Protein backbone atom coordinates (compact mmCIF):
# COMPACT_ATOMS: atom_id res chain seq x y z
CA MET A 1 -9.45 12.71 3.93
CA GLN A 2 -5.79 12.31 3.01
CA LYS A 3 -4.49 14.39 0.12
CA ILE A 4 -2.22 12.89 -2.52
CA MET A 5 -0.52 15.14 -5.05
CA ILE A 6 0.00 13.65 -8.53
CA VAL A 7 2.99 15.09 -10.40
CA GLU A 8 2.63 13.39 -13.79
CA ASP A 9 2.74 15.10 -17.19
CA ASP A 10 0.98 12.31 -19.11
CA THR A 11 -2.67 13.42 -19.05
CA ALA A 12 -4.14 9.92 -19.39
CA ILE A 13 -2.01 8.49 -16.59
CA ARG A 14 -2.66 11.53 -14.38
CA GLU A 15 -6.42 11.28 -14.83
CA GLU A 16 -6.38 7.52 -14.24
CA LEU A 17 -4.41 7.93 -11.02
CA ALA A 18 -6.76 10.66 -9.83
CA LEU A 19 -9.79 8.43 -10.42
CA ILE A 20 -8.18 5.45 -8.69
CA LEU A 21 -7.20 7.52 -5.67
CA LYS A 22 -10.66 9.06 -5.42
CA ASN A 23 -12.27 5.60 -5.51
CA GLU A 24 -9.89 4.51 -2.73
CA GLY A 25 -11.02 7.34 -0.47
CA TYR A 26 -8.17 9.79 -1.05
CA LEU A 27 -8.36 13.39 -2.24
CA PRO A 28 -6.27 13.58 -5.45
CA LEU A 29 -4.39 16.78 -6.22
CA PRO A 30 -3.32 16.52 -9.88
CA VAL A 31 -0.65 18.97 -11.00
CA THR A 32 -0.98 20.45 -14.50
CA ASP A 33 1.49 23.34 -14.20
CA PHE A 34 5.04 22.05 -13.66
CA THR A 35 6.84 25.40 -13.39
CA ASP A 36 6.96 25.41 -9.57
CA VAL A 37 5.81 22.13 -8.07
CA PRO A 38 7.39 22.67 -4.61
CA ARG A 39 5.48 25.95 -4.19
CA GLN A 40 2.22 24.23 -5.10
CA ALA A 41 3.00 21.49 -2.59
CA GLU A 42 3.66 24.08 0.13
CA GLN A 43 0.27 25.65 -0.57
CA SER A 44 -1.78 22.42 -0.74
CA CYS A 45 0.05 20.51 2.07
CA PRO A 46 -0.38 16.99 0.63
CA ASP A 47 -0.01 13.92 2.84
CA LEU A 48 1.92 12.15 0.05
CA ILE A 49 3.28 12.97 -3.41
CA LEU A 50 3.38 10.67 -6.45
CA LEU A 51 6.24 11.98 -8.57
CA ASP A 52 7.34 11.18 -12.13
CA ILE A 53 10.96 11.74 -13.17
CA GLY A 54 10.64 12.83 -16.81
CA LEU A 55 8.81 16.13 -16.46
CA PRO A 56 8.88 19.37 -18.49
CA GLY A 57 11.31 21.84 -16.96
CA GLN A 58 12.73 20.46 -13.71
CA ASP A 59 12.96 16.70 -13.55
CA GLY A 60 11.60 14.65 -10.65
CA PHE A 61 15.01 14.34 -8.99
CA ALA A 62 15.41 18.12 -8.65
CA ILE A 63 11.82 18.51 -7.48
CA CYS A 64 12.25 15.79 -4.84
CA LYS A 65 15.34 17.53 -3.49
CA GLU A 66 13.43 20.81 -3.12
CA LEU A 67 10.39 19.09 -1.62
CA GLY A 68 12.55 17.58 1.11
CA ARG A 69 13.70 21.05 2.15
CA SER A 70 10.38 22.87 1.97
CA VAL A 71 7.49 20.42 2.34
CA GLY A 72 8.52 17.20 4.04
CA ALA A 73 5.68 15.09 2.61
CA PRO A 74 6.64 11.50 1.70
CA VAL A 75 7.39 10.93 -1.98
CA ILE A 76 6.77 7.84 -4.10
CA PHE A 77 8.44 7.93 -7.51
CA VAL A 78 6.14 6.47 -10.19
CA THR A 79 8.07 6.38 -13.46
CA SER A 80 8.77 4.44 -16.64
CA ARG A 81 12.51 4.65 -15.88
CA ASP A 82 13.29 1.31 -14.31
CA SER A 83 17.09 1.27 -14.05
CA SER A 84 18.68 0.52 -10.69
CA LEU A 85 20.75 3.72 -10.95
CA ASP A 86 17.59 5.83 -11.23
CA GLU A 87 16.06 4.03 -8.26
CA VAL A 88 19.17 4.51 -6.13
CA GLN A 89 19.30 8.21 -7.01
CA ALA A 90 15.59 8.66 -6.26
CA LEU A 91 15.88 7.05 -2.83
CA SER A 92 19.12 8.85 -1.98
CA LEU A 93 17.43 12.19 -2.68
CA GLY A 94 14.73 11.44 -0.13
CA GLY A 95 12.19 9.38 -2.06
CA ASP A 96 10.29 6.94 0.16
CA ASP A 97 9.54 4.36 -2.54
CA TYR A 98 10.10 3.74 -6.25
CA ILE A 99 7.55 2.08 -8.56
CA ALA A 100 8.23 1.41 -12.24
CA LYS A 101 5.51 1.65 -14.88
CA PRO A 102 3.53 -0.30 -15.84
CA TYR A 103 2.42 -0.97 -12.29
CA SER A 104 -0.22 -3.13 -10.63
CA ILE A 105 -2.93 -0.90 -9.18
CA PRO A 106 -3.41 -3.04 -6.01
CA VAL A 107 0.36 -3.02 -5.46
CA LEU A 108 0.49 0.77 -5.94
CA MET A 109 -2.32 1.21 -3.40
CA ALA A 110 -0.54 -1.11 -0.96
CA ARG A 111 2.69 0.86 -1.35
CA ILE A 112 0.86 4.17 -0.78
CA LYS A 113 -0.79 2.82 2.36
CA ALA A 114 2.50 1.40 3.62
CA VAL A 115 4.35 4.72 3.18
CA LEU A 116 1.54 6.66 4.86
CA ARG A 117 1.59 4.17 7.72
CA ARG A 118 5.36 4.41 8.16
CA LYS A 119 5.12 8.21 8.22
CA GLY A 120 2.40 8.12 10.85
CA LYS A 121 -0.23 9.54 8.50
CA VAL A 122 -2.63 6.59 8.79
CA SER A 123 -4.58 5.89 11.93
CA GLU A 124 -4.96 2.12 11.97
CA PRO A 125 -7.75 0.43 13.96
CA ASP A 126 -6.67 -1.87 16.77
CA ILE A 127 -9.53 -4.32 16.13
CA LEU A 128 -10.89 -5.79 12.88
CA GLU A 129 -14.17 -7.73 12.83
CA VAL A 130 -15.61 -9.85 10.00
CA ARG A 131 -18.26 -12.60 10.17
CA GLY A 132 -18.00 -13.09 13.91
CA LEU A 133 -14.19 -13.16 13.84
CA ARG A 134 -12.40 -10.53 15.92
CA LEU A 135 -8.74 -9.78 15.17
CA ASP A 136 -6.79 -7.87 17.81
CA LEU A 137 -3.87 -6.25 15.98
CA ILE A 138 -2.13 -5.23 19.19
CA LYS A 139 -2.27 -8.62 20.93
CA GLY A 140 -1.89 -10.64 17.72
CA ALA A 141 -4.88 -12.79 18.60
CA ILE A 142 -8.18 -13.84 17.06
CA ALA A 143 -11.42 -14.55 18.89
CA ALA A 144 -14.81 -16.01 18.01
CA ASP A 145 -17.65 -17.67 19.93
CA ALA A 146 -15.66 -20.91 20.07
CA GLY A 147 -12.67 -19.32 21.82
CA THR A 148 -9.44 -17.46 21.15
CA THR A 149 -5.99 -18.24 19.77
CA THR A 150 -2.79 -16.34 19.00
CA LEU A 151 -1.22 -15.81 15.58
CA THR A 152 2.34 -15.60 14.35
CA ARG A 153 3.45 -12.32 12.83
CA ASN A 154 3.05 -13.63 9.28
CA GLU A 155 -0.41 -15.08 10.00
CA LEU A 156 -1.47 -11.79 11.55
CA GLN A 157 -0.43 -9.72 8.52
CA ILE A 158 -2.07 -12.11 6.05
CA LEU A 159 -5.37 -12.20 7.94
CA ALA A 160 -5.37 -8.43 8.49
CA CYS A 161 -4.90 -7.84 4.75
CA LEU A 162 -7.86 -10.12 3.95
CA MET A 163 -10.08 -8.67 6.70
CA GLU A 164 -9.44 -5.10 5.56
CA ARG A 165 -10.93 -6.01 2.16
CA PRO A 166 -13.65 -8.63 2.86
CA GLY A 167 -15.22 -10.12 -0.24
CA GLU A 168 -12.38 -8.97 -2.51
CA ILE A 169 -10.02 -11.41 -4.20
CA ILE A 170 -6.51 -10.64 -2.96
CA SER A 171 -3.83 -12.05 -5.23
CA ARG A 172 -0.90 -14.00 -3.85
CA ALA A 173 1.42 -11.37 -5.32
CA ASP A 174 -0.40 -8.60 -3.46
CA LEU A 175 -0.19 -10.50 -0.17
CA ILE A 176 3.52 -11.07 -0.63
CA GLU A 177 4.00 -7.40 -1.56
CA THR A 178 2.11 -6.29 1.56
CA LEU A 179 4.25 -8.51 3.75
CA TRP A 180 7.43 -7.18 2.16
CA ASP A 181 6.21 -3.66 3.00
CA HIS A 182 6.06 -4.77 6.63
CA GLN A 183 9.71 -5.95 6.37
CA ILE A 184 8.74 -9.64 6.60
CA TYR A 185 10.67 -11.93 4.26
CA ILE A 186 8.19 -14.22 2.53
CA ASP A 187 8.09 -16.09 -0.78
CA ASP A 188 5.33 -17.99 -2.58
CA ASN A 189 5.90 -21.28 -0.76
CA THR A 190 6.11 -19.56 2.62
CA LEU A 191 2.80 -17.82 1.89
CA SER A 192 1.13 -21.20 1.19
CA VAL A 193 2.44 -22.66 4.45
CA ASN A 194 1.24 -19.67 6.46
CA VAL A 195 -2.22 -19.67 4.88
CA THR A 196 -2.56 -23.40 5.67
CA ARG A 197 -1.59 -22.80 9.31
CA LEU A 198 -3.92 -19.82 9.51
CA ARG A 199 -6.81 -21.92 8.20
CA GLY A 200 -6.05 -24.54 10.82
CA LYS A 201 -6.35 -21.96 13.60
CA LEU A 202 -9.57 -20.61 12.12
CA SER A 203 -10.96 -24.17 11.97
CA GLU A 204 -10.36 -24.50 15.72
CA LEU A 205 -12.72 -21.54 16.14
CA GLY A 206 -15.34 -23.00 13.79
CA LEU A 207 -14.39 -20.71 10.89
CA GLY A 208 -12.43 -23.07 8.68
CA ASP A 209 -14.32 -21.93 5.57
CA LEU A 210 -13.62 -18.23 6.07
CA ILE A 211 -10.69 -18.06 3.62
CA LYS A 212 -11.55 -19.29 0.14
CA THR A 213 -8.93 -20.12 -2.49
CA ARG A 214 -9.77 -18.68 -5.91
CA ARG A 215 -7.70 -20.82 -8.25
CA GLY A 216 -5.38 -18.77 -10.42
CA MET A 217 -6.46 -15.55 -8.70
CA GLY A 218 -5.66 -15.62 -4.98
CA TYR A 219 -7.63 -15.67 -1.73
CA GLN A 220 -10.96 -14.25 -0.65
CA LEU A 221 -12.54 -13.72 2.75
CA ILE A 222 -16.18 -14.83 2.42
C-alpha cells in the first residue's frame, strides 16, 4: 500500500484528504506537528507528499527545499495560493505538481496517480479486461470474440481511463485532465471526436454500447 503524507494545517481539510486517500486504497500519513516535517518524512518514507504552503513555522517552500535534499519523495503542492508566481516558485524548488484549492477530488486523484506513475511508484497492469473486452496497453490494441483492432494514442488513454473505473461516471473534464497528465494535447471538441472514433472501433467488435454518454455528466463504461 502506497503511503501519502498530508502536510496541511487545516484540520477539516487534512481529515477529508486522509479519508479520501484511504477510500482510494492509499495509506494516509497526516502531519499534525509542523516543527520538523522533513524529519518526519525521513522516518515514515512516504511515496508522495501533499504539501500546503501557508503552514505554521516553516512555509511549504522551505519544507519542499529540505525534502528534496533529504527525502526525495515526489511533492504535490495543494494550496489556496493560486498566483502564477507561487506556482513557478513551487515547481522551481522541486515540486512535481501544483493544485489550487478548491480542487476537484477526481482531478486530485488523477494528478496523484500521474505523479506516482511518472516517478515509477505505480506498477501498471499491461492488460485491462471488462465485459469481454481486452485492452493491451503495450500493443495499443483491443480484442473481443469478434476480433481485434488497434487504437490511436488518444483512444487508448480514453478507454484505459474508463476501463480502470468501470461503472463510474467519468466527467469530460477528468478525461481531458488525465490526457493532459500524459502530455497529450486535447480539448473538448477533440475529446468528442476521439470518443466517436473509439465507439466505432468498439462497434466493429460487437461492443458499440459499451460506452454510455451521461448527459451533463460525462461517460460511463457499462
